[in-house]
Amino acid sequence: MDLTGALWRTSSRSGNGECVEVADNLPGAVGVRDSKDPTGPVLVFAPAAWRAFVAVARQPTA
């Protein structure tokens, strides 16, 4: 997948910048990478799968 136009952002909750970066401006895909290794591997998710993951991650823990 061509990630040339990806606009990477880190979480606002990442205090020291060592977090994952997300590119959600890609057509039909969401890229996720390690902010400490920006030239390293990228995981690519379908937008619906990424939204489902985020929804679960935001749920409070018991």
PDB file of N, CA and C in Angstrom:
ATOM      1  N   MET A   1       0.843  -1.174   0.000  1.00  0.00           N
ATOM      2  CA  MET A   1       0.000   0.000   0.000  1.00  0.00           C
ATOM      3  C   MET A   1       0.885   1.232   0.000  1.00  0.00           C
ATOM      4  N   ASP A   2       0.526   2.198  -0.816  1.00  0.00           N
ATOM      5  CA  ASP A   2       1.275   3.450  -0.908  1.00  0.00           C
ATOM      6  C   ASP A   2       0.868   4.371   0.242  1.00  0.00           C
ATOM      7  N   LEU A   3       1.807   4.701   1.103  1.00  0.00           N
ATOM      8  CA  LEU A   3       1.541   5.555   2.261  1.00  0.00           C
ATOM      9  C   LEU A   3       2.151   6.948   2.097  1.00  0.00           C
ATOM     10  N   THR A   4       2.482   7.311   0.873  1.00  0.00           N
ATOM     11  CA  THR A   4       3.146   8.581   0.604  1.00  0.00           C
ATOM     12  C   THR A   4       2.364   9.773   1.142  1.00  0.00           C
ATOM     13  N   GLY A   5       1.051   9.776   0.987  1.00  0.00           N
ATOM     14  CA  GLY A   5       0.240  10.909   1.430  1.00  0.00           C
ATOM     15  C   GLY A   5      -0.258  10.810   2.856  1.00  0.00           C
ATOM     16  N   ALA A   6       0.237   9.852   3.607  1.00  0.00           N
ATOM     17  CA  ALA A   6      -0.247   9.651   4.975  1.00  0.00           C
ATOM     18  C   ALA A   6       0.132  10.831   5.866  1.00  0.00           C
ATOM     19  N   LEU A   7      -0.850  11.314   6.611  1.00  0.00           N
ATOM     20  CA  LEU A   7      -0.617  12.351   7.613  1.00  0.00           C
ATOM     21  C   LEU A   7      -0.667  11.684   8.981  1.00  0.00           C
ATOM     22  N   TRP A   8       0.500  11.537   9.593  1.00  0.00           N
ATOM     23  CA  TRP A   8       0.616  10.802  10.844  1.00  0.00           C
ATOM     24  C   TRP A   8       0.388  11.723  12.034  1.00  0.00           C
ATOM     25  N   ARG A   9      -0.333  11.221  13.028  1.00  0.00           N
ATOM     26  CA  ARG A   9      -0.561  11.981  14.257  1.00  0.00           C
ATOM     27  C   ARG A   9      -0.418  11.037  15.442  1.00  0.00           C
ATOM     28  N   THR A  10      -0.011  11.610  16.567  1.00  0.00           N
ATOM     29  CA  THR A  10       0.098  10.830  17.797  1.00  0.00           C
ATOM     30  C   THR A  10      -1.079  11.165  18.700  1.00  0.00           C
ATOM     31  N   SER A  11      -1.307  10.324  19.648  1.00  0.00           N
ATOM     32  CA  SER A  11      -2.394  10.531  20.599  1.00  0.00           C
ATOM     33  C   SER A  11      -2.131  11.763  21.456  1.00  0.00           C
ATOM     34  N   SER A  12      -3.191  12.505  21.757  1.00  0.00           N
ATOM     35  CA  SER A  12      -3.051  13.648  22.662  1.00  0.00           C
ATOM     36  C   SER A  12      -2.709  13.181  24.073  1.00  0.00           C
ATOM     37  N   ARG A  13      -2.912  11.905  24.357  1.00  0.00           N
ATOM     38  CA  ARG A  13      -2.596  11.345  25.672  1.00  0.00           C
ATOM     39  C   ARG A  13      -1.158  10.841  25.761  1.00  0.00           C
ATOM     40  N   SER A  14      -0.429  10.959  24.692  1.00  0.00           N
ATOM     41  CA  SER A  14       0.963  10.522  24.678  1.00  0.00           C
ATOM     42  C   SER A  14       1.838  11.651  25.202  1.00  0.00           C
ATOM     43  N   GLY A  15       2.224  11.555  26.457  1.00  0.00           N
ATOM     44  CA  GLY A  15       2.976  12.624  27.098  1.00  0.00           C
ATOM     45  C   GLY A  15       4.385  12.800  26.572  1.00  0.00           C
ATOM     46  N   ASN A  16       5.077  11.718  26.309  1.00  0.00           N
ATOM     47  CA  ASN A  16       6.483  11.816  25.911  1.00  0.00           C
ATOM     48  C   ASN A  16       6.698  11.523  24.433  1.00  0.00           C
ATOM     49  N   GLY A  17       5.643  11.381  23.664  1.00  0.00           N
ATOM     50  CA  GLY A  17       5.767  11.143  22.230  1.00  0.00           C
ATOM     51  C   GLY A  17       6.075   9.712  21.864  1.00  0.00           C
ATOM     52  N   GLU A  18       6.222   8.824  22.845  1.00  0.00           N
ATOM     53  CA  GLU A  18       6.496   7.426  22.549  1.00  0.00           C
ATOM     54  C   GLU A  18       5.186   6.661  22.571  1.00  0.00           C
ATOM     55  N   CYS A  19       4.580   6.615  21.434  1.00  0.00           N
ATOM     56  CA  CYS A  19       3.245   6.041  21.323  1.00  0.00           C
ATOM     57  C   CYS A  19       3.073   5.527  19.900  1.00  0.00           C
ATOM     58  N   VAL A  20       1.891   5.149  19.579  1.00  0.00           N
ATOM     59  CA  VAL A  20       1.600   4.811  18.194  1.00  0.00           C
ATOM     60  C   VAL A  20       1.189   6.069  17.461  1.00  0.00           C
ATOM     61  N   GLU A  21       1.393   6.066  16.154  1.00  0.00           N
ATOM     62  CA  GLU A  21       0.928   7.133  15.290  1.00  0.00           C
ATOM     63  C   GLU A  21      -0.127   6.546  14.370  1.00  0.00           C
ATOM     64  N   VAL A  22      -1.116   7.351  14.045  1.00  0.00           N
ATOM     65  CA  VAL A  22      -2.225   6.903  13.211  1.00  0.00           C
ATOM     66  C   VAL A  22      -2.346   7.836  12.012  1.00  0.00           C
ATOM     67  N   ALA A  23      -2.558   7.252  10.857  1.00  0.00           N
ATOM     68  CA  ALA A  23      -2.854   8.020   9.645  1.00  0.00           C
ATOM     69  C   ALA A  23      -4.249   7.610   9.199  1.00  0.00           C
ATOM     70  N   ASP A  24      -5.212   8.504   9.424  1.00  0.00           N
ATOM     71  CA  ASP A  24      -6.593   8.162   9.065  1.00  0.00           C
ATOM     72  C   ASP A  24      -7.105   8.985   7.887  1.00  0.00           C
ATOM     73  N   ASN A  25      -6.184   9.540   7.120  1.00  0.00           N
ATOM     74  CA  ASN A  25      -6.555  10.299   5.938  1.00  0.00           C
ATOM     75  C   ASN A  25      -6.414   9.492   4.642  1.00  0.00           C
ATOM     76  N   LEU A  26      -6.136   8.220   4.759  1.00  0.00           N
ATOM     77  CA  LEU A  26      -5.919   7.368   3.583  1.00  0.00           C
ATOM     78  C   LEU A  26      -7.252   6.846   3.052  1.00  0.00           C
ATOM     79  N   PRO A  27      -7.417   6.778   1.749  1.00  0.00           N
ATOM     80  CA  PRO A  27      -8.674   6.269   1.205  1.00  0.00           C
ATOM     81  C   PRO A  27      -8.847   4.771   1.473  1.00  0.00           C
ATOM     82  N   GLY A  28      -9.845   4.425   2.277  1.00  0.00           N
ATOM     83  CA  GLY A  28     -10.157   3.026   2.528  1.00  0.00           C
ATOM     84  C   GLY A  28      -9.229   2.303   3.477  1.00  0.00           C
ATOM     85  N   ALA A  29      -8.396   3.044   4.221  1.00  0.00           N
ATOM     86  CA  ALA A  29      -7.444   2.385   5.119  1.00  0.00           C
ATOM     87  C   ALA A  29      -7.046   3.321   6.249  1.00  0.00           C
ATOM     88  N   VAL A  30      -6.620   2.715   7.354  1.00  0.00           N
ATOM     89  CA  VAL A  30      -6.056   3.456   8.485  1.00  0.00           C
ATOM     90  C   VAL A  30      -4.705   2.816   8.787  1.00  0.00           C
ATOM     91  N   GLY A  31      -3.657   3.616   8.764  1.00  0.00           N
ATOM     92  CA  GLY A  31      -2.320   3.119   9.059  1.00  0.00           C
ATOM     93  C   GLY A  31      -1.964   3.366  10.511  1.00  0.00           C
ATOM     94  N   VAL A  32      -1.232   2.432  11.105  1.00  0.00           N
ATOM     95  CA  VAL A  32      -0.785   2.545  12.488  1.00  0.00           C
ATOM     96  C   VAL A  32       0.684   2.133  12.529  1.00  0.00           C
ATOM     97  N   ARG A  33       1.511   2.973  13.180  1.00  0.00           N
ATOM     98  CA  ARG A  33       2.947   2.663  13.282  1.00  0.00           C
ATOM     99  C   ARG A  33       3.480   3.090  14.639  1.00  0.00           C
ATOM    100  N   ASP A  34       4.667   2.621  14.963  1.00  0.00           N
ATOM    101  CA  ASP A  34       5.360   2.958  16.199  1.00  0.00           C
ATOM    102  C   ASP A  34       6.030   4.320  16.016  1.00  0.00           C
ATOM    103  N   SER A  35       5.737   5.275  16.876  1.00  0.00           N
ATOM    104  CA  SER A  35       6.316   6.614  16.736  1.00  0.00           C
ATOM    105  C   SER A  35       7.834   6.613  16.918  1.00  0.00           C
ATOM    106  N   LYS A  36       8.366   5.622  17.610  1.00  0.00           N
ATOM    107  CA  LYS A  36       9.816   5.529  17.803  1.00  0.00           C
ATOM    108  C   LYS A  36      10.522   4.976  16.572  1.00  0.00           C
ATOM    109  N   ASP A  37       9.759   4.412  15.640  1.00  0.00           N
ATOM    110  CA  ASP A  37      10.332   3.799  14.437  1.00  0.00           C
ATOM    111  C   ASP A  37       9.489   4.182  13.217  1.00  0.00           C
ATOM    112  N   PRO A  38       9.494   5.472  12.844  1.00  0.00           N
ATOM    113  CA  PRO A  38       8.613   5.926  11.774  1.00  0.00           C
ATOM    114  C   PRO A  38       8.906   5.332  10.395  1.00  0.00           C
ATOM    115  N   THR A  39      10.085   4.776  10.209  1.00  0.00           N
ATOM    116  CA  THR A  39      10.378   4.135   8.924  1.00  0.00           C
ATOM    117  C   THR A  39      10.167   2.626   8.983  1.00  0.00           C
ATOM    118  N   GLY A  40       9.693   2.152  10.130  1.00  0.00           N
ATOM    119  CA  GLY A  40       9.479   0.721  10.323  1.00  0.00           C
ATOM    120  C   GLY A  40       8.154   0.261   9.743  1.00  0.00           C
ATOM    121  N   PRO A  41       7.734  -0.924  10.135  1.00  0.00           N
ATOM    122  CA  PRO A  41       6.519  -1.510   9.581  1.00  0.00           C
ATOM    123  C   PRO A  41       5.264  -0.735   9.985  1.00  0.00           C
ATOM    124  N   VAL A  42       4.242  -0.856   9.150  1.00  0.00           N
ATOM    125  CA  VAL A  42       2.957  -0.199   9.374  1.00  0.00           C
ATOM    126  C   VAL A  42       1.866  -1.258   9.330  1.00  0.00           C
ATOM    127  N   LEU A  43       0.982  -1.215  10.301  1.00  0.00           N
ATOM    128  CA  LEU A  43      -0.219  -2.048  10.271  1.00  0.00           C
ATOM    129  C   LEU A  43      -1.296  -1.259   9.557  1.00  0.00           C
ATOM    130  N   VAL A  44      -2.049  -1.917   8.685  1.00  0.00           N
ATOM    131  CA  VAL A  44      -3.110  -1.248   7.940  1.00  0.00           C
ATOM    132  C   VAL A  44      -4.427  -1.937   8.246  1.00  0.00           C
ATOM    133  N   PHE A  45      -5.417  -1.143   8.634  1.00  0.00           N
ATOM    134  CA  PHE A  45      -6.738  -1.644   8.996  1.00  0.00           C
ATOM    135  C   PHE A  45      -7.796  -1.040   8.091  1.00  0.00           C
ATOM    136  N   ALA A  46      -8.866  -1.766   7.897  1.00  0.00           N
ATOM    137  CA  ALA A  46     -10.047  -1.193   7.252  1.00  0.00           C
ATOM    138  C   ALA A  46     -10.617  -0.166   8.227  1.00  0.00           C
ATOM    139  N   PRO A  47     -11.162   0.939   7.735  1.00  0.00           N
ATOM    140  CA  PRO A  47     -11.694   1.960   8.643  1.00  0.00           C
ATOM    141  C   PRO A  47     -12.716   1.421   9.645  1.00  0.00           C
ATOM    142  N   ALA A  48     -13.588   0.529   9.239  1.00  0.00           N
ATOM    143  CA  ALA A  48     -14.586  -0.029  10.159  1.00  0.00           C
ATOM    144  C   ALA A  48     -13.918  -0.837  11.271  1.00  0.00           C
ATOM    145  N   ALA A  49     -12.877  -1.584  10.937  1.00  0.00           N
ATOM    146  CA  ALA A  49     -12.160  -2.366  11.945  1.00  0.00           C
ATOM    147  C   ALA A  49     -11.453  -1.439  12.927  1.00  0.00           C
ATOM    148  N   TRP A  50     -10.877  -0.346  12.431  1.00  0.00           N
ATOM    149  CA  TRP A  50     -10.200   0.611  13.310  1.00  0.00           C
ATOM    150  C   TRP A  50     -11.202   1.282  14.245  1.00  0.00           C
ATOM    151  N   ARG A  51     -12.357   1.692  13.721  1.00  0.00           N
ATOM    152  CA  ARG A  51     -13.388   2.312  14.560  1.00  0.00           C
ATOM    153  C   ARG A  51     -13.849   1.352  15.651  1.00  0.00           C
ATOM    154  N   ALA A  52     -14.006   0.082  15.310  1.00  0.00           N
ATOM    155  CA  ALA A  52     -14.425  -0.919  16.296  1.00  0.00           C
ATOM    156  C   ALA A  52     -13.359  -1.076  17.380  1.00  0.00           C
ATOM    157  N   PHE A  53     -12.093  -1.106  16.999  1.00  0.00           N
ATOM    158  CA  PHE A  53     -11.010  -1.209  17.968  1.00  0.00           C
ATOM    159  C   PHE A  53     -11.012  -0.013  18.914  1.00  0.00           C
ATOM    160  N   VAL A  54     -11.093   1.193  18.351  1.00  0.00           N
ATOM    161  CA  VAL A  54     -11.086   2.401  19.175  1.00  0.00           C
ATOM    162  C   VAL A  54     -12.272   2.420  20.129  1.00  0.00           C
ATOM    163  N   ALA A  55     -13.438   2.009  19.659  1.00  0.00           N
ATOM    164  CA  ALA A  55     -14.631   1.975  20.524  1.00  0.00           C
ATOM    165  C   ALA A  55     -14.408   1.070  21.719  1.00  0.00           C
ATOM    166  N   VAL A  56     -13.823  -0.076  21.507  1.00  0.00           N
ATOM    167  CA  VAL A  56     -13.554  -1.013  22.609  1.00  0.00           C
ATOM    168  C   VAL A  56     -12.463  -0.465  23.520  1.00  0.00           C
ATOM    169  N   ALA A  57     -11.420   0.123  22.931  1.00  0.00           N
ATOM    170  CA  ALA A  57     -10.313   0.662  23.728  1.00  0.00           C
ATOM    171  C   ALA A  57     -10.759   1.807  24.630  1.00  0.00           C
ATOM    172  N   ARG A  58     -11.775   2.530  24.229  1.00  0.00           N
ATOM    173  CA  ARG A  58     -12.268   3.664  25.018  1.00  0.00           C
ATOM    174  C   ARG A  58     -13.184   3.242  26.159  1.00  0.00           C
ATOM    175  N   GLN A  59     -13.629   2.002  26.152  1.00  0.00           N
ATOM    176  CA  GLN A  59     -14.523   1.554  27.213  1.00  0.00           C
ATOM    177  C   GLN A  59     -13.774   1.482  28.535  1.00  0.00           C
ATOM    178  N   PRO A  60     -14.431   1.894  29.612  1.00  0.00           N
ATOM    179  CA  PRO A  60     -13.766   1.810  30.924  1.00  0.00           C
ATOM    180  C   PRO A  60     -13.521   0.341  31.302  1.00  0.00           C
ATOM    181  N   THR A  61     -12.438   0.141  32.007  1.00  0.00           N
ATOM    182  CA  THR A  61     -12.118  -1.222  32.474  1.00  0.00           C
ATOM    183  C   THR A  61     -12.847  -1.504  33.767  1.00  0.00           C
ATOM    184  N   ALA A  62     -13.082  -2.756  34.005  1.00  0.00           N
ATOM    185  CA  ALA A  62     -13.809  -3.150  35.218  1.00  0.00           C
ATOM    186  C   ALA A  62     -12.920  -3.198  36.418  1.00  0.00           C
TER     187      ALA A  62
END
